[in-house]
C-alpha atoms as a PDB file:
ATOM      1  CA  MET A   1       0.149   0.004   0.457  1.00  0.00           C
ATOM      2  CA  ASN A   2       1.050   3.502  -1.001  1.00  0.00           C
ATOM      3  CA  ILE A   3       2.145   5.646   2.446  1.00  0.00           C
ATOM      4  CA  SER A   4      -0.549   8.183   1.241  1.00  0.00           C
ATOM      5  CA  GLN A   5      -3.282   5.208   2.248  1.00  0.00           C
ATOM      6  CA  VAL A   6      -1.709   4.574   5.431  1.00  0.00           C
ATOM      7  CA  SER A   7      -2.906   7.337   8.370  1.00  0.00           C
ATOM      8  CA  TYR A   8      -0.858   6.057  11.110  1.00  0.00           C
ATOM      9  CA  PHE A   9       1.966   3.409  12.399  1.00  0.00           C
ATOM     10  CA  ILE A  10       1.894   0.544  15.212  1.00  0.00           C
ATOM     11  CA  LEU A  11       4.595   1.180  17.938  1.00  0.00           C
ATOM     12  CA  SER A  12       5.105  -2.526  18.842  1.00  0.00           C
ATOM     13  CA  ALA A  13       7.593  -2.399  21.152  1.00  0.00           C
ATOM     14  CA  TYR A  14       5.382  -1.471  23.978  1.00  0.00           C
ATOM     15  CA  PHE A  15       3.405  -3.721  25.961  1.00  0.00           C
ATOM     16  CA  ASP A  16       1.441  -4.327  29.070  1.00  0.00           C
ATOM     17  CA  ILE A  17       2.945  -3.156  33.113  1.00  0.00           C
ATOM     18  CA  GLY A  18      -0.724  -2.682  34.300  1.00  0.00           C
ATOM     19  CA  LEU A  19      -0.749   0.043  37.148  1.00  0.00           C
ATOM     20  CA  PHE A  20       3.252   0.166  37.098  1.00  0.00           C
ATOM     21  CA  LYS A  21       3.124   2.250  33.694  1.00  0.00           C
ATOM     22  CA  TYR A  22       1.860   5.083  36.408  1.00  0.00           C
ATOM     23  CA  LEU A  23       5.074   4.993  38.136  1.00  0.00           C
ATOM     24  CA  VAL A  24       7.076   5.044  34.972  1.00  0.00           C
ATOM     25  CA  PHE A  25       5.541   7.580  33.755  1.00  0.00           C
ATOM     26  CA  LEU A  26       6.111   9.371  37.102  1.00  0.00           C
ATOM     27  CA  ILE A  27      10.008   8.578  36.772  1.00  0.00           C
ATOM     28  CA  ILE A  28      10.101   9.833  33.264  1.00  0.00           C
ATOM     29  CA  MET A  29       8.393  13.091  33.669  1.00  0.00           C
ATOM     30  CA  CYS A  30      10.284  13.358  36.552  1.00  0.00           C
ATOM     31  CA  VAL A  31      13.352  12.988  34.382  1.00  0.00           C
ATOM     32  CA  TYR A  32      12.517  14.791  31.632  1.00  0.00           C
ATOM     33  CA  MET A  33      11.581  18.071  34.529  1.00  0.00           C
ATOM     34  CA  PHE A  34      15.401  17.985  35.854  1.00  0.00           C
ATOM     35  CA  ILE A  35      16.405  17.845  32.264  1.00  0.00           C
ATOM     36  CA  ILE A  36      14.659  20.987  30.968  1.00  0.00           C
ATOM     37  CA  SER A  37      15.239  22.936  34.130  1.00  0.00           C
ATOM     38  CA  SER A  38      18.936  22.008  34.595  1.00  0.00           C
ATOM     39  CA  ASN A  39      19.931  22.828  30.565  1.00  0.00           C
ATOM     40  CA  VAL A  40      17.508  26.026  30.822  1.00  0.00           C
ATOM     41  CA  LEU A  41      19.673  26.974  34.013  1.00  0.00           C
ATOM     42  CA  LEU A  42      23.190  26.563  32.255  1.00  0.00           C
ATOM     43  CA  VAL A  43      21.468  28.730  29.249  1.00  0.00           C
ATOM     44  CA  VAL A  44      20.701  31.047  31.361  1.00  0.00           C
ATOM     45  CA  VAL A  45      23.611  31.614  33.273  1.00  0.00           C
ATOM     46  CA  ILE A  46      25.707  31.609  30.545  1.00  0.00           C
ATOM     47  CA  CYS A  47      23.527  34.219  28.449  1.00  0.00           C
ATOM     48  CA  VAL A  48      23.395  36.918  31.366  1.00  0.00           C
ATOM     49  CA  ASN A  49      26.835  36.650  32.258  1.00  0.00           C
ATOM     50  CA  ARG A  50      29.013  38.374  30.742  1.00  0.00           C
ATOM     51  CA  SER A  51      32.552  37.005  31.546  1.00  0.00           C
ATOM     52  CA  LEU A  52      31.341  33.892  29.875  1.00  0.00           C
ATOM     53  CA  HIS A  53      30.696  35.053  26.947  1.00  0.00           C
ATOM     54  CA  GLU A  54      33.904  32.714  25.416  1.00  0.00           C
ATOM     55  CA  PRO A  55      33.811  30.587  22.598  1.00  0.00           C
ATOM     56  CA  MET A  56      34.496  27.182  24.614  1.00  0.00           C
ATOM     57  CA  TYR A  57      30.546  28.736  26.710  1.00  0.00           C
ATOM     58  CA  MET A  58      29.193  29.742  23.678  1.00  0.00           C
ATOM     59  CA  PHE A  59      29.419  26.584  22.392  1.00  0.00           C
ATOM     60  CA  LEU A  60      28.537  24.747  25.439  1.00  0.00           C
ATOM     61  CA  CYS A  61      24.981  27.418  25.198  1.00  0.00           C
ATOM     62  CA  SER A  62      24.368  26.135  21.729  1.00  0.00           C
ATOM     63  CA  LEU A  63      24.904  22.419  23.146  1.00  0.00           C
ATOM     64  CA  PHE A  64      22.521  22.710  26.163  1.00  0.00           C
ATOM     65  CA  VAL A  65      20.161  24.264  23.388  1.00  0.00           C
ATOM     66  CA  ASN A  66      20.017  21.037  22.010  1.00  0.00           C
ATOM     67  CA  GLU A  67      19.314  19.053  25.122  1.00  0.00           C
ATOM     68  CA  LEU A  68      16.548  20.630  25.120  1.00  0.00           C
ATOM     69  CA  TYR A  69      15.341  20.657  21.889  1.00  0.00           C
ATOM     70  CA  GLY A  70      15.944  16.844  21.723  1.00  0.00           C
ATOM     71  CA  SER A  71      14.517  15.678  24.808  1.00  0.00           C
ATOM     72  CA  SER A  72      12.018  17.417  23.767  1.00  0.00           C
ATOM     73  CA  SER A  73      11.516  15.346  20.747  1.00  0.00           C
ATOM     74  CA  LEU A  74      10.819  12.717  22.838  1.00  0.00           C
ATOM     75  CA  PHE A  75       9.846  13.075  26.414  1.00  0.00           C
ATOM     76  CA  PRO A  76       6.629  14.209  25.672  1.00  0.00           C
ATOM     77  CA  PHE A  77       5.762  12.013  23.174  1.00  0.00           C
ATOM     78  CA  LEU A  78       6.671   9.033  25.577  1.00  0.00           C
ATOM     79  CA  LEU A  79       4.601  10.511  28.458  1.00  0.00           C
ATOM     80  CA  VAL A  80       1.543   9.864  26.486  1.00  0.00           C
ATOM     81  CA  GLN A  81       2.067   7.039  25.175  1.00  0.00           C
ATOM     82  CA  ILE A  82       2.766   5.316  28.318  1.00  0.00           C
ATOM     83  CA  LEU A  83      -0.736   6.465  29.399  1.00  0.00           C
ATOM     84  CA  SER A  84      -2.687   5.673  26.369  1.00  0.00           C
ATOM     85  CA  ASP A  85      -4.466   1.860  25.565  1.00  0.00           C
ATOM     86  CA  LEU A  86      -3.284   2.499  21.569  1.00  0.00           C
ATOM     87  CA  HIS A  87       0.025   2.448  20.801  1.00  0.00           C
ATOM     88  CA  THR A  88      -0.042   4.695  17.526  1.00  0.00           C
ATOM     89  CA  VAL A  89       1.368   7.404  15.761  1.00  0.00           C
ATOM     90  CA  SER A  90      -0.021   9.622  12.867  1.00  0.00           C
ATOM     91  CA  VAL A  91       1.936   9.244   9.637  1.00  0.00           C
ATOM     92  CA  PRO A  92       3.167  13.301   9.659  1.00  0.00           C
ATOM     93  CA  LEU A  93       3.817  13.284  13.093  1.00  0.00           C
ATOM     94  CA  CYS A  94       6.027  10.045  13.166  1.00  0.00           C
ATOM     95  CA  PHE A  95       7.445  11.877  10.208  1.00  0.00           C
ATOM     96  CA  LEU A  96       8.149  15.015  12.179  1.00  0.00           C
ATOM     97  CA  GLN A  97       9.710  12.782  15.397  1.00  0.00           C
ATOM     98  CA  ILE A  98      12.015  11.445  13.150  1.00  0.00           C
ATOM     99  CA  PHE A  99      13.355  14.542  11.459  1.00  0.00           C
ATOM    100  CA  CYS A 100      13.753  16.367  15.091  1.00  0.00           C
ATOM    101  CA  LEU A 101      15.710  13.122  16.850  1.00  0.00           C
ATOM    102  CA  TYR A 102      17.824  12.660  13.894  1.00  0.00           C
ATOM    103  CA  MET A 103      18.214  16.542  13.723  1.00  0.00           C
ATOM    104  CA  TYR A 104      19.386  16.242  17.613  1.00  0.00           C
ATOM    105  CA  VAL A 105      21.824  13.736  17.051  1.00  0.00           C
ATOM    106  CA  ASN A 106      23.541  15.274  14.252  1.00  0.00           C
ATOM    107  CA  VAL A 107      23.743  18.465  15.840  1.00  0.00           C
ATOM    108  CA  GLU A 108      24.898  17.029  19.067  1.00  0.00           C
ATOM    109  CA  PHE A 109      28.422  14.837  17.174  1.00  0.00           C
ATOM    110  CA  TYR A 110      28.847  18.567  15.080  1.00  0.00           C
ATOM    111  CA  ASN A 111      28.708  20.608  18.367  1.00  0.00           C
ATOM    112  CA  LEU A 112      31.447  17.938  20.201  1.00  0.00           C
ATOM    113  CA  ALA A 113      33.508  17.945  16.949  1.00  0.00           C
ATOM    114  CA  VAL A 114      33.232  22.093  17.542  1.00  0.00           C
ATOM    115  CA  MET A 115      33.838  21.828  20.820  1.00  0.00           C
ATOM    116  CA  SER A 116      37.209  19.693  20.338  1.00  0.00           C
ATOM    117  CA  TYR A 117      38.691  21.616  18.085  1.00  0.00           C
ATOM    118  CA  ASP A 118      38.216  24.460  20.197  1.00  0.00           C
ATOM    119  CA  ARG A 119      39.704  22.572  23.008  1.00  0.00           C
ATOM    120  CA  TYR A 120      42.540  22.170  20.564  1.00  0.00           C
ATOM    121  CA  LEU A 121      43.328  25.670  19.128  1.00  0.00           C
ATOM    122  CA  ALA A 122      43.500  26.709  23.054  1.00  0.00           C
ATOM    123  CA  ILE A 123      45.745  23.929  24.144  1.00  0.00           C
ATOM    124  CA  CYS A 124      47.845  23.979  21.586  1.00  0.00           C
ATOM    125  CA  HIS A 125      47.799  27.178  20.061  1.00  0.00           C
ATOM    126  CA  PRO A 126      47.068  29.348  22.781  1.00  0.00           C
ATOM    127  CA  LEU A 127      48.889  32.853  21.801  1.00  0.00           C
ATOM    128  CA  HIS A 128      46.671  32.547  18.636  1.00  0.00           C
ATOM    129  CA  TYR A 129      43.102  31.425  19.908  1.00  0.00           C
ATOM    130  CA  SER A 130      41.789  34.426  20.536  1.00  0.00           C
ATOM    131  CA  THR A 131      42.258  35.925  16.640  1.00  0.00           C
ATOM    132  CA  GLN A 132      41.636  32.422  15.179  1.00  0.00           C
ATOM    133  CA  MET A 133      38.341  31.666  17.379  1.00  0.00           C
ATOM    134  CA  SER A 134      37.042  35.440  16.979  1.00  0.00           C
ATOM    135  CA  PHE A 135      32.832  35.899  17.115  1.00  0.00           C
ATOM    136  CA  ASN A 136      32.464  35.640  13.736  1.00  0.00           C
ATOM    137  CA  VAL A 137      34.420  32.265  13.526  1.00  0.00           C
ATOM    138  CA  ILE A 138      31.586  31.136  16.704  1.00  0.00           C
ATOM    139  CA  VAL A 139      28.794  32.500  14.978  1.00  0.00           C
ATOM    140  CA  LYS A 140      29.935  30.139  11.780  1.00  0.00           C
ATOM    141  CA  LEU A 141      30.949  26.938  13.358  1.00  0.00           C
ATOM    142  CA  VAL A 142      27.209  27.434  15.325  1.00  0.00           C
ATOM    143  CA  ALA A 143      25.592  27.524  12.254  1.00  0.00           C
ATOM    144  CA  LEU A 144      27.059  25.237  10.465  1.00  0.00           C
ATOM    145  CA  SER A 145      26.669  22.819  13.406  1.00  0.00           C
ATOM    146  CA  TRP A 146      22.648  23.168  12.791  1.00  0.00           C
ATOM    147  CA  CYS A 147      22.646  24.449   9.424  1.00  0.00           C
ATOM    148  CA  LEU A 148      24.443  21.430   7.849  1.00  0.00           C
ATOM    149  CA  PRO A 149      22.085  18.725   9.876  1.00  0.00           C
ATOM    150  CA  LEU A 150      18.742  20.014   8.792  1.00  0.00           C
ATOM    151  CA  VAL A 151      19.751  20.122   4.656  1.00  0.00           C
ATOM    152  CA  VAL A 152      21.220  16.539   5.432  1.00  0.00           C
ATOM    153  CA  ILE A 153      18.437  15.347   7.531  1.00  0.00           C
ATOM    154  CA  LEU A 154      15.191  16.614   5.264  1.00  0.00           C
ATOM    155  CA  GLY A 155      17.147  14.568   2.236  1.00  0.00           C
ATOM    156  CA  MET A 156      17.277  11.503   3.683  1.00  0.00           C
ATOM    157  CA  ILE A 157      13.275  12.052   5.286  1.00  0.00           C
ATOM    158  CA  SER A 158      12.349  12.872   1.886  1.00  0.00           C
ATOM    159  CA  LEU A 159      13.576   9.697   0.419  1.00  0.00           C
ATOM    160  CA  ASN A 160      11.198   7.673   2.723  1.00  0.00           C
ATOM    161  CA  VAL A 161       8.268   9.911   2.651  1.00  0.00           C
ATOM    162  CA  THR A 162       7.603   9.436  -1.011  1.00  0.00           C
ATOM    163  CA  SER A 163       8.100   5.304  -0.852  1.00  0.00           C
ATOM    164  CA  GLU A 164       5.309   2.617  -0.926  1.00  0.00           C
ATOM    165  CA  LEU A 165       5.071   0.823   2.393  1.00  0.00           C
ATOM    166  CA  CYS A 166       3.903  -2.826   3.408  1.00  0.00           C
ATOM    167  CA  GLY A 167       2.953  -2.466   6.474  1.00  0.00           C
ATOM    168  CA  ASN A 168       2.588   0.370   9.213  1.00  0.00           C
ATOM    169  CA  ILE A 169       4.075  -1.538  12.464  1.00  0.00           C
ATOM    170  CA  ILE A 170       7.696  -0.477  14.126  1.00  0.00           C
ATOM    171  CA  ASP A 171       9.033  -2.271  16.538  1.00  0.00           C
ATOM    172  CA  ARG A 172      10.009   0.650  18.400  1.00  0.00           C
ATOM    173  CA  VAL A 173       8.662   2.592  21.737  1.00  0.00           C
ATOM    174  CA  PHE A 174       9.187   6.031  18.722  1.00  0.00           C
ATOM    175  CA  CYS A 175       9.584   6.584  15.296  1.00  0.00           C
ATOM    176  CA  ASN A 176      12.432   5.298  13.318  1.00  0.00           C
ATOM    177  CA  ASN A 177      13.623   6.245  10.317  1.00  0.00           C
ATOM    178  CA  TYR A 178      15.233   3.077   9.506  1.00  0.00           C
ATOM    179  CA  TYR A 179      11.935   0.923  10.555  1.00  0.00           C
ATOM    180  CA  ILE A 180      10.310   2.833   8.154  1.00  0.00           C
ATOM    181  CA  ALA A 181      12.828   2.152   5.655  1.00  0.00           C
ATOM    182  CA  VAL A 182      12.066  -1.576   6.465  1.00  0.00           C
ATOM    183  CA  LEU A 183       8.763  -1.266   5.318  1.00  0.00           C
ATOM    184  CA  SER A 184       8.827  -0.092   2.395  1.00  0.00           C
ATOM    185  CA  CYS A 185       7.909  -2.538  -0.730  1.00  0.00           C
ATOM    186  CA  SER A 186      10.478  -1.532  -3.108  1.00  0.00           C
ATOM    187  CA  SER A 187      14.188  -1.479  -2.665  1.00  0.00           C
ATOM    188  CA  ALA A 188      15.693   0.941   0.106  1.00  0.00           C
ATOM    189  CA  THR A 189      19.188   1.273  -2.044  1.00  0.00           C
ATOM    190  CA  ALA A 190      18.680   4.835  -2.505  1.00  0.00           C
ATOM    191  CA  SER A 191      18.089   5.592   1.358  1.00  0.00           C
ATOM    192  CA  ASN A 192      21.303   3.069   2.338  1.00  0.00           C
ATOM    193  CA  ILE A 193      24.002   4.999  -0.623  1.00  0.00           C
ATOM    194  CA  TYR A 194      22.883   8.226   0.910  1.00  0.00           C
ATOM    195  CA  GLY A 195      23.392   7.175   4.764  1.00  0.00           C
ATOM    196  CA  LEU A 196      26.957   5.732   3.660  1.00  0.00           C
ATOM    197  CA  VAL A 197      28.033   8.187   1.375  1.00  0.00           C
ATOM    198  CA  TYR A 198      26.624  11.079   4.225  1.00  0.00           C
ATOM    199  CA  THR A 199      28.336   8.662   7.309  1.00  0.00           C
ATOM    200  CA  PHE A 200      31.412   8.450   4.766  1.00  0.00           C
ATOM    201  CA  SER A 201      32.092  11.865   3.425  1.00  0.00           C
ATOM    202  CA  VAL A 202      31.044  13.819   6.978  1.00  0.00           C
ATOM    203  CA  LEU A 203      30.600  11.834  10.042  1.00  0.00           C
ATOM    204  CA  PHE A 204      33.690   9.940   9.898  1.00  0.00           C
ATOM    205  CA  SER A 205      35.530  13.259   8.384  1.00  0.00           C
ATOM    206  CA  LEU A 206      34.314  14.807  12.042  1.00  0.00           C
ATOM    207  CA  ALA A 207      35.495  11.351  13.872  1.00  0.00           C
ATOM    208  CA  ALA A 208      38.834  12.156  12.061  1.00  0.00           C
ATOM    209  CA  LEU A 209      39.440  15.996  13.338  1.00  0.00           C
ATOM    210  CA  ILE A 210      38.484  14.683  17.698  1.00  0.00           C
ATOM    211  CA  LEU A 211      40.947  12.020  17.016  1.00  0.00           C
ATOM    212  CA  TYR A 212      43.181  13.946  15.403  1.00  0.00           C
ATOM    213  CA  THR A 213      42.578  16.912  18.424  1.00  0.00           C
ATOM    214  CA  TYR A 214      43.052  14.992  21.145  1.00  0.00           C
ATOM    215  CA  VAL A 215      45.943  13.080  20.098  1.00  0.00           C
ATOM    216  CA  LYS A 216      47.404  16.838  19.522  1.00  0.00           C
ATOM    217  CA  ILE A 217      46.141  17.551  22.914  1.00  0.00           C
ATOM    218  CA  LEU A 218      47.659  14.559  24.381  1.00  0.00           C
ATOM    219  CA  GLN A 219      50.712  15.458  23.122  1.00  0.00           C
ATOM    220  CA  VAL A 220      50.915  18.878  24.209  1.00  0.00           C
ATOM    221  CA  CYS A 221      50.134  17.810  27.874  1.00  0.00           C
ATOM    222  CA  PHE A 222      52.986  15.148  27.672  1.00  0.00           C
ATOM    223  CA  SER A 223      55.650  17.698  26.931  1.00  0.00           C
ATOM    224  CA  GLY A 224      53.535  21.027  28.555  1.00  0.00           C
ATOM    225  CA  SER A 225      54.326  22.196  31.843  1.00  0.00           C
ATOM    226  CA  LYS A 226      51.934  21.201  34.847  1.00  0.00           C
ATOM    227  CA  GLN A 227      49.852  24.537  34.287  1.00  0.00           C
ATOM    228  CA  THR A 228      49.261  23.507  30.784  1.00  0.00           C
ATOM    229  CA  ARG A 229      48.031  19.478  31.924  1.00  0.00           C
ATOM    230  CA  GLN A 230      45.772  21.057  34.665  1.00  0.00           C
ATOM    231  CA  LYS A 231      43.655  23.757  32.114  1.00  0.00           C
ATOM    232  CA  ALA A 232      43.743  20.308  29.997  1.00  0.00           C
ATOM    233  CA  VAL A 233      42.302  18.138  32.668  1.00  0.00           C
ATOM    234  CA  ASN A 234      39.937  20.808  33.757  1.00  0.00           C
ATOM    235  CA  THR A 235      38.394  21.556  30.238  1.00  0.00           C
ATOM    236  CA  CYS A 236      38.224  18.648  28.137  1.00  0.00           C
ATOM    237  CA  THR A 237      37.461  15.836  31.237  1.00  0.00           C
ATOM    238  CA  PRO A 238      33.700  16.809  30.836  1.00  0.00           C
ATOM    239  CA  HIS A 239      34.094  17.191  27.200  1.00  0.00           C
ATOM    240  CA  LEU A 240      35.811  13.567  26.733  1.00  0.00           C
ATOM    241  CA  VAL A 241      33.111  12.217  29.031  1.00  0.00           C
ATOM    242  CA  SER A 242      30.439  13.386  26.727  1.00  0.00           C
ATOM    243  CA  LEU A 243      31.624  12.501  23.747  1.00  0.00           C
ATOM    244  CA  LEU A 244      32.452   8.578  25.075  1.00  0.00           C
ATOM    245  CA  ASN A 245      28.557   8.941  26.458  1.00  0.00           C
ATOM    246  CA  PHE A 246      27.199  10.135  22.885  1.00  0.00           C
ATOM    247  CA  SER A 247      29.387   7.690  21.441  1.00  0.00           C
ATOM    248  CA  PHE A 248      28.373   4.826  22.877  1.00  0.00           C
ATOM    249  CA  GLY A 249      24.756   5.677  22.963  1.00  0.00           C
ATOM    250  CA  SER A 250      24.704   5.881  19.228  1.00  0.00           C
ATOM    251  CA  PHE A 251      26.773   2.534  19.376  1.00  0.00           C
ATOM    252  CA  PHE A 252      23.564   0.994  21.153  1.00  0.00           C
ATOM    253  CA  ALA A 253      20.879   2.754  18.222  1.00  0.00           C
ATOM    254  CA  VAL A 254      22.980   1.399  15.388  1.00  0.00           C
ATOM    255  CA  LEU A 255      23.730  -2.353  16.770  1.00  0.00           C
ATOM    256  CA  GLN A 256      19.342  -2.501  17.290  1.00  0.00           C
ATOM    257  CA  SER A 257      18.579  -1.261  14.148  1.00  0.00           C
ATOM    258  CA  ARG A 258      21.267  -3.137  11.831  1.00  0.00           C
ATOM    259  CA  PHE A 259      21.403  -6.885  13.964  1.00  0.00           C
ATOM    260  CA  ASP A 260      18.776  -8.781  15.652  1.00  0.00           C
ATOM    261  CA  MET A 261      17.844  -8.109  19.063  1.00  0.00           C
ATOM    262  CA  SER A 262      14.454 -10.370  19.594  1.00  0.00           C
ATOM    263  CA  ARG A 263      16.953 -12.669  21.751  1.00  0.00           C
ATOM    264  CA  VAL A 264      17.144  -9.310  24.052  1.00  0.00           C
ATOM    265  CA  PRO A 265      14.655  -9.208  26.627  1.00  0.00           C
ATOM    266  CA  ASN A 266      12.234  -6.539  25.532  1.00  0.00           C
ATOM    267  CA  ILE A 267      12.387  -4.069  28.250  1.00  0.00           C
ATOM    268  CA  LEU A 268      16.347  -4.739  27.882  1.00  0.00           C
ATOM    269  CA  ARG A 269      16.107  -3.338  24.347  1.00  0.00           C
ATOM    270  CA  ILE A 270      13.654  -0.291  25.018  1.00  0.00           C
ATOM    271  CA  ILE A 271      16.467   0.856  27.717  1.00  0.00           C
ATOM    272  CA  LEU A 272      18.951   0.783  25.261  1.00  0.00           C
ATOM    273  CA  SER A 273      17.067   2.486  22.282  1.00  0.00           C
ATOM    274  CA  LEU A 274      16.297   5.779  24.598  1.00  0.00           C
ATOM    275  CA  TYR A 275      19.779   6.128  26.143  1.00  0.00           C
ATOM    276  CA  PHE A 276      21.407   8.270  23.517  1.00  0.00           C
ATOM    277  CA  VAL A 277      18.393  10.446  23.871  1.00  0.00           C
ATOM    278  CA  THR A 278      18.769  10.289  27.772  1.00  0.00           C
ATOM    279  CA  CYS A 279      21.572  10.212  29.028  1.00  0.00           C
ATOM    280  CA  GLN A 280      23.112  12.752  26.833  1.00  0.00           C
ATOM    281  CA  PRO A 281      20.938  15.591  28.091  1.00  0.00           C
ATOM    282  CA  LEU A 282      20.829  14.462  31.642  1.00  0.00           C
ATOM    283  CA  LEU A 283      24.658  14.397  32.349  1.00  0.00           C
ATOM    284  CA  ASN A 284      26.052  17.080  30.241  1.00  0.00           C
ATOM    285  CA  PRO A 285      24.598  19.893  32.199  1.00  0.00           C
ATOM    286  CA  LEU A 286      26.085  17.665  35.869  1.00  0.00           C
ATOM    287  CA  LEU A 287      29.667  17.489  33.755  1.00  0.00           C
ATOM    288  CA  TYR A 288      30.476  21.065  33.152  1.00  0.00           C
ATOM    289  CA  GLY A 289      28.059  22.395  35.866  1.00  0.00           C
ATOM    290  CA  LEU A 290      30.247  20.521  38.449  1.00  0.00           C
ATOM    291  CA  LYS A 291      33.433  20.714  36.590  1.00  0.00           C
ATOM    292  CA  LEU A 292      33.790  23.668  35.332  1.00  0.00           C
ATOM    293  CA  SER A 293      34.193  26.526  37.970  1.00  0.00           C
ATOM    294  CA  LYS A 294      33.282  29.437  36.071  1.00  0.00           C
ATOM    295  CA  ILE A 295      29.514  27.719  35.871  1.00  0.00           C
ATOM    296  CA  GLN A 296      29.548  26.979  39.129  1.00  0.00           C
ATOM    297  CA  ILE A 297      30.522  30.290  40.201  1.00  0.00           C
ATOM    298  CA  SER A 298      27.960  32.300  38.222  1.00  0.00           C
ATOM    299  CA  CYS A 299      25.336  30.179  39.038  1.00  0.00           C
ATOM    300  CA  LYS A 300      26.208  30.658  43.383  1.00  0.00           C
ATOM    301  CA  THR A 301      26.180  34.331  42.090  1.00  0.00           C
ATOM    302  CA  LEU A 302      22.528  33.782  40.368  1.00  0.00           C
ATOM    303  CA  PHE A 303      21.060  32.183  43.082  1.00  0.00           C
ATOM    304  CA  PHE A 304      23.088  33.119  46.278  1.00  0.00           C
ATOM    305  CA  GLY A 305      23.863  36.494  45.504  1.00  0.00           C
ATOM    306  CA  GLN A 306      27.595  35.849  46.487  1.00  0.00           C
ATOM    307  CA  LYS A 307      31.156  34.985  44.652  1.00  0.00           C
END
């Protein structure tokens, strides 16, 4: 049947847990409220404090905005589905969610790559940092981090929107582009080629950039002074942890999409599928809020009026 004849998709990964659904609803609601409040707090702190109007904190602001965007693309939807008896989603809403979640993942990776480059310049080329990381450069890098994924994801979704479908059952708790491609009656060759070209040309290039920057940072740390090493540890540790957490989440998502996970317990599959968009926006505010002293001081000043 053609996609124009399909009015909704069925999300088959949900299962009946009885009255426990209210407990799960409450837990997810609390997690979502914490994500919203913590990320909004850090965005406000960075925006209102002129001392934080530096490249690293501007990129962090973009990162926190993306966490708000990504979590809001999923959590309200999950909350509605948990309390619902019928786990269906309309076709337009499904593709909107796919766009938002894929956009979130790509912007996250671009932001992390830009932050790696920023740390590389600050630690390896401190004398030229202010000129190479000017305000215009910051604006261009942030704009690129959001605009390029926008174009790429729109292209990816357009390939599936026009395809003919032979079913409407998605074995996930939220919409996923790969599972809709699997439902296609025709070959998904064009979609696969598009994804492979983008992965090898752009995503692998960003991964190589991140790897290169940290190799250079490590070289400077081992050959530099104690002060240089301390600066690298203080500013790079949160970023490295965030990067590793994001990599694990992405790995779990790809693993579930490309391999048969039927032998894995359903609850574990659901947790792994939600990992990348739950732990990242939950972890990042804690990492940067607790580790970076300037943000700590600004938060104390905002709430208690003391430095």
